[in-house]
Amino acid sequence: MKKLIKIIVYIIIIIFSLKLIIVVGNYIKISNSTEYVIAKKFIKEDSNLKSKIGEIKDFGSFPKGGIQWKNGLNSAQIETNVIGSKGEAYVIAFIKENHEKKWILDTLLISKIDK
């Protein structure tokens, strides 16, 4: 019985470690990406977000999301906390390249606001 418990504990530790590696890897990839820089630019310019949390002062420390390449065009989903002069929000920005290779903001979701 003790051997079975030991095996289960090892399996749990391995699963947790793999998940942690994936989360840290994704953070490093997103926070150092061109797509993150572009998404932050769109977020800073969004008048709807500014009306809810004030002027954008900073971004959270741990952005996440995904970057995709399809049919020769890039797209990204960037999720981050945004700190404004009147409050904070959690936003999800969907950006993509158009056929002229210019980035456009597809959707900006404001999912949580704290004042």
N, C-alpha and C. Protein backbone atom coordinates (compact mmCIF):
# COMPACT_ATOMS: atom_id res chain seq x y z
N MET A 1 0.82 -1.20 0.00
CA MET A 1 0.00 0.00 0.00
C MET A 1 0.87 1.27 0.00
N LYS A 2 1.95 1.26 0.80
CA LYS A 2 2.83 2.43 0.85
C LYS A 2 3.49 2.68 -0.49
N LYS A 3 3.79 1.61 -1.20
CA LYS A 3 4.41 1.75 -2.52
C LYS A 3 3.45 2.42 -3.51
N LEU A 4 2.18 2.05 -3.45
CA LEU A 4 1.17 2.65 -4.32
C LEU A 4 1.02 4.15 -4.03
N ILE A 5 0.99 4.51 -2.76
CA ILE A 5 0.88 5.92 -2.39
C ILE A 5 2.11 6.70 -2.87
N LYS A 6 3.26 6.11 -2.74
CA LYS A 6 4.50 6.74 -3.21
C LYS A 6 4.46 6.98 -4.71
N ILE A 7 3.97 6.00 -5.46
CA ILE A 7 3.86 6.14 -6.92
C ILE A 7 2.88 7.25 -7.27
N ILE A 8 1.75 7.30 -6.59
CA ILE A 8 0.75 8.34 -6.85
C ILE A 8 1.33 9.72 -6.55
N VAL A 9 2.06 9.85 -5.45
CA VAL A 9 2.68 11.13 -5.10
C VAL A 9 3.67 11.54 -6.18
N TYR A 10 4.50 10.61 -6.66
CA TYR A 10 5.46 10.92 -7.72
C TYR A 10 4.77 11.37 -9.00
N ILE A 11 3.68 10.70 -9.34
CA ILE A 11 2.92 11.06 -10.55
C ILE A 11 2.36 12.48 -10.40
N ILE A 12 1.82 12.80 -9.24
CA ILE A 12 1.28 14.14 -8.99
C ILE A 12 2.39 15.18 -9.10
N ILE A 13 3.54 14.90 -8.53
CA ILE A 13 4.68 15.83 -8.60
C ILE A 13 5.13 16.03 -10.04
N ILE A 14 5.18 14.97 -10.82
CA ILE A 14 5.59 15.06 -12.23
C ILE A 14 4.58 15.89 -13.01
N ILE A 15 3.30 15.65 -12.82
CA ILE A 15 2.26 16.41 -13.53
C ILE A 15 2.34 17.89 -13.16
N PHE A 16 2.48 18.18 -11.87
CA PHE A 16 2.59 19.58 -11.42
C PHE A 16 3.82 20.24 -12.02
N SER A 17 4.95 19.52 -12.04
CA SER A 17 6.19 20.07 -12.59
C SER A 17 6.05 20.38 -14.08
N LEU A 18 5.44 19.47 -14.83
CA LEU A 18 5.23 19.70 -16.26
C LEU A 18 4.33 20.91 -16.50
N LYS A 19 3.28 21.02 -15.71
CA LYS A 19 2.38 22.18 -15.85
C LYS A 19 3.13 23.47 -15.54
N LEU A 20 3.95 23.47 -14.52
CA LEU A 20 4.73 24.65 -14.15
C LEU A 20 5.71 25.03 -15.27
N ILE A 21 6.35 24.06 -15.86
CA ILE A 21 7.28 24.31 -16.97
C ILE A 21 6.54 24.94 -18.14
N ILE A 22 5.36 24.44 -18.45
CA ILE A 22 4.57 24.98 -19.56
C ILE A 22 4.14 26.42 -19.27
N VAL A 23 3.69 26.70 -18.06
CA VAL A 23 3.25 28.05 -17.69
C VAL A 23 4.42 29.04 -17.75
N VAL A 24 5.56 28.66 -17.21
CA VAL A 24 6.73 29.55 -17.22
C VAL A 24 7.22 29.76 -18.65
N GLY A 25 7.24 28.70 -19.45
CA GLY A 25 7.65 28.82 -20.85
C GLY A 25 6.74 29.75 -21.63
N ASN A 26 5.44 29.62 -21.41
CA ASN A 26 4.47 30.49 -22.09
C ASN A 26 4.66 31.94 -21.66
N TYR A 27 4.89 32.17 -20.37
CA TYR A 27 5.12 33.53 -19.88
C TYR A 27 6.34 34.14 -20.56
N ILE A 28 7.43 33.40 -20.64
CA ILE A 28 8.66 33.91 -21.26
C ILE A 28 8.41 34.21 -22.73
N LYS A 29 7.72 33.29 -23.42
CA LYS A 29 7.45 33.48 -24.85
C LYS A 29 6.58 34.71 -25.08
N ILE A 30 5.51 34.86 -24.32
CA ILE A 30 4.58 35.98 -24.52
C ILE A 30 5.23 37.30 -24.12
N SER A 31 5.85 37.36 -22.95
CA SER A 31 6.37 38.64 -22.46
C SER A 31 7.52 39.18 -23.31
N ASN A 32 8.17 38.32 -24.09
CA ASN A 32 9.26 38.76 -24.95
C ASN A 32 8.86 38.84 -26.42
N SER A 33 7.57 38.79 -26.70
CA SER A 33 7.13 38.75 -28.09
C SER A 33 6.77 40.13 -28.64
N THR A 34 6.91 40.26 -29.93
CA THR A 34 6.47 41.47 -30.64
C THR A 34 4.96 41.63 -30.49
N GLU A 35 4.24 40.53 -30.50
CA GLU A 35 2.79 40.57 -30.39
C GLU A 35 2.35 41.20 -29.07
N TYR A 36 3.08 40.95 -27.99
CA TYR A 36 2.75 41.55 -26.70
C TYR A 36 2.94 43.06 -26.74
N VAL A 37 4.01 43.50 -27.34
CA VAL A 37 4.27 44.94 -27.48
C VAL A 37 3.15 45.60 -28.28
N ILE A 38 2.75 44.96 -29.36
CA ILE A 38 1.68 45.50 -30.22
C ILE A 38 0.34 45.51 -29.47
N ALA A 39 0.04 44.43 -28.76
CA ALA A 39 -1.21 44.37 -28.01
C ALA A 39 -1.26 45.45 -26.94
N LYS A 40 -0.14 45.70 -26.25
CA LYS A 40 -0.11 46.76 -25.24
C LYS A 40 -0.39 48.12 -25.86
N LYS A 41 0.10 48.34 -27.07
CA LYS A 41 -0.16 49.61 -27.76
C LYS A 41 -1.67 49.78 -27.99
N PHE A 42 -2.32 48.72 -28.49
CA PHE A 42 -3.77 48.79 -28.72
C PHE A 42 -4.53 48.98 -27.41
N ILE A 43 -4.10 48.30 -26.36
CA ILE A 43 -4.76 48.41 -25.06
C ILE A 43 -4.66 49.84 -24.53
N LYS A 44 -3.46 50.43 -24.63
CA LYS A 44 -3.25 51.80 -24.14
C LYS A 44 -4.14 52.81 -24.86
N GLU A 45 -4.48 52.54 -26.12
CA GLU A 45 -5.26 53.47 -26.93
C GLU A 45 -6.77 53.26 -26.82
N ASP A 46 -7.21 52.23 -26.13
CA ASP A 46 -8.63 51.90 -26.10
C ASP A 46 -9.41 52.86 -25.20
N SER A 47 -10.28 53.65 -25.80
CA SER A 47 -11.03 54.66 -25.06
C SER A 47 -12.05 54.05 -24.09
N ASN A 48 -12.63 52.92 -24.43
CA ASN A 48 -13.57 52.25 -23.55
C ASN A 48 -12.88 51.82 -22.26
N LEU A 49 -11.71 51.24 -22.38
CA LEU A 49 -10.95 50.82 -21.20
C LEU A 49 -10.54 52.03 -20.36
N LYS A 50 -10.08 53.09 -21.03
CA LYS A 50 -9.67 54.30 -20.32
C LYS A 50 -10.84 54.91 -19.54
N SER A 51 -12.05 54.84 -20.10
CA SER A 51 -13.20 55.40 -19.40
C SER A 51 -13.53 54.60 -18.14
N LYS A 52 -13.12 53.34 -18.10
CA LYS A 52 -13.43 52.49 -16.94
C LYS A 52 -12.36 52.52 -15.86
N ILE A 53 -11.08 52.59 -16.27
CA ILE A 53 -10.00 52.52 -15.26
C ILE A 53 -9.07 53.73 -15.27
N GLY A 54 -9.35 54.70 -16.12
CA GLY A 54 -8.51 55.90 -16.19
C GLY A 54 -7.32 55.69 -17.13
N GLU A 55 -6.40 56.65 -17.07
CA GLU A 55 -5.20 56.55 -17.91
C GLU A 55 -4.41 55.29 -17.56
N ILE A 56 -3.92 54.61 -18.57
CA ILE A 56 -3.15 53.39 -18.36
C ILE A 56 -1.78 53.75 -17.79
N LYS A 57 -1.48 53.19 -16.63
CA LYS A 57 -0.20 53.46 -15.96
C LYS A 57 0.80 52.32 -16.14
N ASP A 58 0.30 51.06 -16.12
CA ASP A 58 1.21 49.93 -16.16
C ASP A 58 0.44 48.66 -16.53
N PHE A 59 1.20 47.60 -16.74
CA PHE A 59 0.63 46.29 -17.06
C PHE A 59 1.08 45.29 -16.01
N GLY A 60 0.31 44.23 -15.83
CA GLY A 60 0.66 43.19 -14.88
C GLY A 60 1.97 42.51 -15.22
N SER A 61 2.51 41.82 -14.26
CA SER A 61 3.82 41.19 -14.41
C SER A 61 3.79 39.87 -15.17
N PHE A 62 2.65 39.23 -15.26
CA PHE A 62 2.61 37.89 -15.84
C PHE A 62 1.58 37.78 -16.97
N PRO A 63 1.91 38.30 -18.15
CA PRO A 63 0.98 38.14 -19.27
C PRO A 63 0.94 36.68 -19.72
N LYS A 64 -0.17 36.32 -20.33
CA LYS A 64 -0.26 34.98 -20.90
C LYS A 64 -1.05 35.04 -22.18
N GLY A 65 -1.14 33.95 -22.86
CA GLY A 65 -1.88 33.93 -24.11
C GLY A 65 -1.30 32.94 -25.09
N GLY A 66 -1.50 33.22 -26.35
CA GLY A 66 -1.01 32.33 -27.39
C GLY A 66 -0.76 33.10 -28.68
N ILE A 67 0.17 32.58 -29.44
CA ILE A 67 0.52 33.17 -30.73
C ILE A 67 0.34 32.08 -31.78
N GLN A 68 -0.27 32.47 -32.90
CA GLN A 68 -0.58 31.48 -33.94
C GLN A 68 -0.18 32.01 -35.31
N TRP A 69 0.27 31.13 -36.14
CA TRP A 69 0.63 31.47 -37.51
C TRP A 69 -0.21 30.58 -38.43
N LYS A 70 -1.02 31.21 -39.29
CA LYS A 70 -1.91 30.44 -40.15
C LYS A 70 -2.03 31.15 -41.49
N ASN A 71 -1.85 30.42 -42.56
CA ASN A 71 -1.95 30.96 -43.91
C ASN A 71 -1.04 32.17 -44.13
N GLY A 72 0.13 32.13 -43.52
CA GLY A 72 1.10 33.21 -43.69
C GLY A 72 0.83 34.45 -42.87
N LEU A 73 -0.19 34.41 -42.01
CA LEU A 73 -0.54 35.58 -41.19
C LEU A 73 -0.47 35.21 -39.71
N ASN A 74 0.00 36.14 -38.91
CA ASN A 74 0.09 35.94 -37.47
C ASN A 74 -1.17 36.43 -36.78
N SER A 75 -1.47 35.79 -35.67
CA SER A 75 -2.53 36.27 -34.79
C SER A 75 -2.12 35.93 -33.36
N ALA A 76 -2.69 36.64 -32.42
CA ALA A 76 -2.33 36.40 -31.02
C ALA A 76 -3.49 36.72 -30.10
N GLN A 77 -3.49 36.02 -29.00
CA GLN A 77 -4.41 36.30 -27.90
C GLN A 77 -3.51 36.63 -26.71
N ILE A 78 -3.60 37.84 -26.22
CA ILE A 78 -2.77 38.29 -25.11
C ILE A 78 -3.68 38.62 -23.93
N GLU A 79 -3.38 38.04 -22.77
CA GLU A 79 -4.16 38.27 -21.56
C GLU A 79 -3.24 38.92 -20.53
N THR A 80 -3.72 40.02 -19.93
CA THR A 80 -2.89 40.71 -18.95
C THR A 80 -3.74 41.59 -18.04
N ASN A 81 -3.19 41.90 -16.89
CA ASN A 81 -3.78 42.90 -16.01
C ASN A 81 -3.34 44.27 -16.51
N VAL A 82 -4.22 45.23 -16.41
CA VAL A 82 -3.91 46.60 -16.81
C VAL A 82 -4.22 47.50 -15.61
N ILE A 83 -3.26 48.33 -15.25
CA ILE A 83 -3.40 49.21 -14.11
C ILE A 83 -3.61 50.64 -14.60
N GLY A 84 -4.72 51.22 -14.19
CA GLY A 84 -5.05 52.58 -14.59
C GLY A 84 -5.05 53.52 -13.40
N SER A 85 -5.26 54.78 -13.67
CA SER A 85 -5.25 55.79 -12.61
C SER A 85 -6.46 55.67 -11.67
N LYS A 86 -7.56 55.02 -12.14
CA LYS A 86 -8.77 54.88 -11.32
C LYS A 86 -9.08 53.44 -10.93
N GLY A 87 -8.29 52.49 -11.42
CA GLY A 87 -8.56 51.09 -11.10
C GLY A 87 -7.75 50.15 -11.95
N GLU A 88 -8.09 48.87 -11.85
CA GLU A 88 -7.41 47.84 -12.61
C GLU A 88 -8.42 47.00 -13.38
N ALA A 89 -7.95 46.37 -14.45
CA ALA A 89 -8.81 45.49 -15.24
C ALA A 89 -7.98 44.32 -15.76
N TYR A 90 -8.66 43.22 -16.00
CA TYR A 90 -8.05 42.08 -16.67
C TYR A 90 -8.59 42.09 -18.09
N VAL A 91 -7.70 42.16 -19.07
CA VAL A 91 -8.15 42.26 -20.46
C VAL A 91 -7.57 41.12 -21.30
N ILE A 92 -8.31 40.80 -22.33
CA ILE A 92 -7.87 39.83 -23.32
C ILE A 92 -7.94 40.53 -24.67
N ALA A 93 -6.78 40.65 -25.31
CA ALA A 93 -6.70 41.32 -26.62
C ALA A 93 -6.47 40.27 -27.69
N PHE A 94 -7.31 40.30 -28.70
CA PHE A 94 -7.15 39.44 -29.87
C PHE A 94 -6.66 40.34 -31.01
N ILE A 95 -5.43 40.10 -31.46
CA ILE A 95 -4.86 40.90 -32.54
C ILE A 95 -4.49 39.98 -33.69
N LYS A 96 -4.44 40.56 -34.89
CA LYS A 96 -4.08 39.75 -36.05
C LYS A 96 -3.48 40.64 -37.13
N GLU A 97 -2.73 40.01 -38.02
CA GLU A 97 -2.20 40.72 -39.17
C GLU A 97 -3.21 40.66 -40.29
N ASN A 98 -3.33 41.76 -41.02
CA ASN A 98 -4.17 41.73 -42.21
C ASN A 98 -3.30 41.32 -43.40
N HIS A 99 -3.84 41.31 -44.59
CA HIS A 99 -3.10 40.85 -45.76
C HIS A 99 -1.97 41.79 -46.16
N GLU A 100 -1.98 43.01 -45.64
CA GLU A 100 -0.88 43.94 -45.88
C GLU A 100 0.18 43.82 -44.79
N LYS A 101 0.05 42.80 -43.91
CA LYS A 101 0.97 42.55 -42.80
C LYS A 101 0.95 43.65 -41.75
N LYS A 102 -0.17 44.38 -41.65
CA LYS A 102 -0.34 45.38 -40.61
C LYS A 102 -1.20 44.77 -39.50
N TRP A 103 -0.81 45.05 -38.27
CA TRP A 103 -1.55 44.50 -37.14
C TRP A 103 -2.82 45.31 -36.89
N ILE A 104 -3.89 44.58 -36.58
CA ILE A 104 -5.16 45.21 -36.22
C ILE A 104 -5.68 44.56 -34.94
N LEU A 105 -6.42 45.35 -34.17
CA LEU A 105 -7.06 44.82 -32.98
C LEU A 105 -8.39 44.22 -33.41
N ASP A 106 -8.53 42.93 -33.23
CA ASP A 106 -9.76 42.24 -33.61
C ASP A 106 -10.82 42.44 -32.52
N THR A 107 -10.45 42.15 -31.27
CA THR A 107 -11.38 42.26 -30.15
C THR A 107 -10.59 42.58 -28.89
N LEU A 108 -11.16 43.39 -28.03
CA LEU A 108 -10.59 43.64 -26.71
C LEU A 108 -11.68 43.36 -25.68
N LEU A 109 -11.48 42.30 -24.93
CA LEU A 109 -12.44 41.92 -23.89
C LEU A 109 -11.95 42.44 -22.54
N ILE A 110 -12.82 43.12 -21.84
CA ILE A 110 -12.51 43.61 -20.50
C ILE A 110 -13.31 42.71 -19.56
N SER A 111 -12.61 41.79 -18.91
CA SER A 111 -13.37 40.76 -18.18
C SER A 111 -13.51 41.03 -16.69
N LYS A 112 -12.66 41.88 -16.11
CA LYS A 112 -12.77 42.12 -14.67
C LYS A 112 -12.25 43.52 -14.37
N ILE A 113 -13.03 44.28 -13.61
CA ILE A 113 -12.61 45.63 -13.25
C ILE A 113 -12.62 45.76 -11.73
N ASP A 114 -11.50 46.22 -11.18
CA ASP A 114 -11.40 46.50 -9.73
C ASP A 114 -11.10 47.97 -9.55
N LYS A 115 -11.88 48.63 -8.72
CA LYS A 115 -11.64 50.07 -8.46
C LYS A 115 -11.26 50.28 -7.03
